[in-house]
Amino acid sequence: MRGLSLFASALTVCASLLAPAIAEEKSSALRSLTTGDETKGWEGVGRLNLGHTGFCTGALIAENLVLTAAHCLYDKATGKRIATEEIEFLAGWRNGRAEAYRGVRRAVLHPSYSFGASADMSRVANDLALLELDQPIRTHRVSPFETADNLKRGDVVGVVSYAKDRSEAPSIQETCHVLRQQSGVVMLSCSVDFGASGAPIFILGAVPSIASVVSAKAEMDGQQVALAANLRNRLAVLHDEMAKAAPPAQISDRTGTALTARRTTNNRQTTAKFVRP
């Protein structure tokens, strides 16, 4: 599947690129969310179908905005962008049904991201994309997630993702750890696989908030690690890029408030809020 190879192409990381991580604490196992009760509250995470042959993971951060990894939007075989009309977001996809089906009207990448660049840490650090849906998702069953930027070494986080051999229902890993941050990249002990690109990394609490987006997997000293696109500063840049691509009045946050390029009316999505995958 094209989506599977997309994840592999994100980055092949040599151990020499990464500073030693802290000793890994015990992480929980992946758990499939197969029932309505298990998926309650996670319906804002969805599968991104890319053309007819691949997929990634994405998550709602507003009624009409999905956050994912930039490399998901490229065909690895050709190096070309996948047409926006060939991308579909399936919110809460589980066992052949989704809570909502939406096409994509616009897609913007972090301006410093380059799909054709050599595999290095800066490529992962800017591996972020923001998708504007063709229609907002307004249903009580699907809620956008808050975002955060305060990850630090030793933090406990969770990941909800679709991936190889578990493409028909999301899986959650409720406990994994931030091993370190380096050059704008977060290294984690989370289990990720092909298809999990773009999966949200949550700070779990009463209200889960997205603090990172999965970009790649790597091996360091025999240990499998995940590399993530931290949101600090970069999410505000993505909002600016979206504002340039469309009239600001057409882009709304979860409360329906118009988003401007400077995003001064909603602290959850302002430059001050997002300062750093």
Foldseek 3Di string as FASTA:
>chain_A
DQLLVLQVLLAEDDQVQDDDFDDWDDFFDKDFQADPVSCQPVQQKWWKQQAPPHIAIWGFQFQFKIKFFQSSQARPVVRDGGDQQRIKTFGQFAQHHGPDIWGFDDKDFQPPADSPDHHHDVNQQRGMMMTGTPDGHDDPRHAGAFAAADDAFFAWKKWWTAAPPRNRTIIMTRTKGFRHDDPQKTKILDDDHRRHGGIFIWRDDPGTHGFWTWRHWYAHPNGIITITHGQAQRQLSNLLVVVVVDPQQVDAGRVSDGAHNQRPPDCSRHNVRHHTD
